[in-house]
Amino acid sequence: MEGPRVDPIVELAQGDARRDAGLNLSWIAYGAGCWMFAVVHASVNNPTVPSDRLLGKSPKYVNAYTNEYKRSVKNRRMEMSAIGWGVSLAATFWLWNIFTD
């Protein structure tokens, strides 16, 4: 028994978008410096889709790529900023413990 068939164009577009989203480690620094504000900013900010990746593509590909790219970038930004926030919070508690004893 097979699951629902996924259109190969949509599948290709989603794979390309996930690959192009990449990692932006600067969001770890934003999370460390701005704490929860960086996580909130990452969750409400809409990333800009690179238009050069969409030239000459079908409307179905463009739609699938755009949706997946925005979702992937937003999720990665939130993860990276949350990691930065957690590291900064741990360092703050550690320093607090050192200087208050």
Protein backbone atom coordinates (compact mmCIF):
# COMPACT_ATOMS: atom_id res chain seq x y z
CA MET A 1 0.00 0.00 0.00
CA GLU A 2 1.50 3.28 -1.10
CA GLY A 3 1.10 6.66 0.51
CA PRO A 4 -0.10 9.72 -1.33
CA ARG A 5 1.95 10.50 -4.42
CA VAL A 6 4.00 13.63 -4.23
CA ASP A 7 4.48 15.60 -7.40
CA PRO A 8 8.16 15.27 -8.47
CA ILE A 9 8.35 19.00 -9.19
CA VAL A 10 7.16 19.83 -5.68
CA GLU A 11 9.55 17.26 -4.19
CA LEU A 12 12.48 18.72 -6.17
CA ALA A 13 11.57 22.27 -5.15
CA GLN A 14 11.34 21.33 -1.47
CA GLY A 15 14.70 19.56 -1.57
CA ASP A 16 16.34 22.53 -3.30
CA ALA A 17 14.83 24.93 -0.78
CA ARG A 18 16.06 22.91 2.22
CA ARG A 19 19.54 22.77 0.71
CA ASP A 20 19.59 26.48 -0.09
CA ALA A 21 18.35 27.49 3.36
CA GLY A 22 21.71 26.50 4.85
CA LEU A 23 22.96 27.41 8.31
CA ASN A 24 23.46 30.96 9.43
CA LEU A 25 25.47 30.78 12.62
CA SER A 26 25.15 34.51 13.26
CA TRP A 27 21.72 33.74 14.75
CA ILE A 28 23.51 32.01 17.64
CA ALA A 29 25.20 35.32 18.41
CA TYR A 30 21.88 37.14 18.12
CA GLY A 31 20.33 34.68 20.54
CA ALA A 32 23.22 35.05 22.97
CA GLY A 33 23.05 38.84 22.86
CA CYS A 34 19.33 39.48 22.63
CA TRP A 35 18.01 36.40 24.42
CA MET A 36 14.30 35.74 23.90
CA PHE A 37 13.91 38.77 21.65
CA ALA A 38 16.06 37.05 19.02
CA VAL A 39 13.87 33.94 19.15
CA VAL A 40 10.71 36.03 18.80
CA HIS A 41 12.26 38.02 15.96
CA ALA A 42 13.26 34.79 14.20
CA SER A 43 9.72 33.46 14.50
CA VAL A 44 7.94 36.54 13.14
CA ASN A 45 10.47 37.63 10.51
CA ASN A 46 9.76 36.44 6.96
CA PRO A 47 12.97 35.56 5.14
CA THR A 48 13.57 36.84 1.62
CA VAL A 49 13.59 34.13 -1.01
CA PRO A 50 16.55 34.34 -3.42
CA SER A 51 14.97 35.31 -6.73
CA ASP A 52 17.84 34.00 -8.84
CA ARG A 53 16.91 30.45 -7.82
CA LEU A 54 13.41 30.91 -9.26
CA LEU A 55 14.19 32.28 -12.72
CA GLY A 56 12.79 30.13 -15.50
CA LYS A 57 10.95 27.76 -13.15
CA SER A 58 7.32 26.70 -13.34
CA PRO A 59 4.73 28.38 -11.07
CA LYS A 60 4.27 25.09 -9.17
CA TYR A 61 8.03 24.91 -8.49
CA VAL A 62 8.16 28.58 -7.44
CA ASN A 63 5.27 28.16 -5.01
CA ALA A 64 6.65 24.97 -3.44
CA TYR A 65 10.19 26.40 -3.25
CA THR A 66 9.02 29.67 -1.68
CA ASN A 67 6.91 27.97 0.99
CA GLU A 68 9.57 25.42 1.92
CA TYR A 69 12.42 27.97 1.88
CA LYS A 70 10.60 30.32 4.23
CA ARG A 71 9.64 27.47 6.56
CA SER A 72 13.14 26.01 6.63
CA VAL A 73 14.92 29.33 7.16
CA LYS A 74 12.50 30.38 9.89
CA ASN A 75 12.89 27.06 11.73
CA ARG A 76 16.69 27.14 11.52
CA ARG A 77 16.84 30.74 12.69
CA MET A 78 14.63 29.92 15.67
CA GLU A 79 16.76 26.89 16.54
CA MET A 80 20.04 28.81 16.28
CA SER A 81 18.79 31.77 18.31
CA ALA A 82 17.38 29.42 20.97
CA ILE A 83 20.76 27.68 21.20
CA GLY A 84 22.47 31.05 21.61
CA TRP A 85 19.96 32.06 24.27
CA GLY A 86 20.51 28.79 26.14
CA VAL A 87 24.29 29.11 26.04
CA SER A 88 24.11 32.71 27.22
CA LEU A 89 21.69 31.81 29.99
CA ALA A 90 23.92 28.95 31.18
CA ALA A 91 26.96 31.25 31.14
CA THR A 92 25.04 33.89 33.09
CA PHE A 93 24.01 31.41 35.79
CA TRP A 94 27.53 30.01 35.95
CA LEU A 95 29.05 33.48 36.39
CA TRP A 96 26.34 34.39 38.90
CA ASN A 97 27.22 31.30 40.91
CA ILE A 98 30.93 32.14 40.84
CA PHE A 99 30.60 35.77 41.91
CA THR A 100 27.88 35.32 44.54
CA ASP A 101 29.66 32.66 46.60
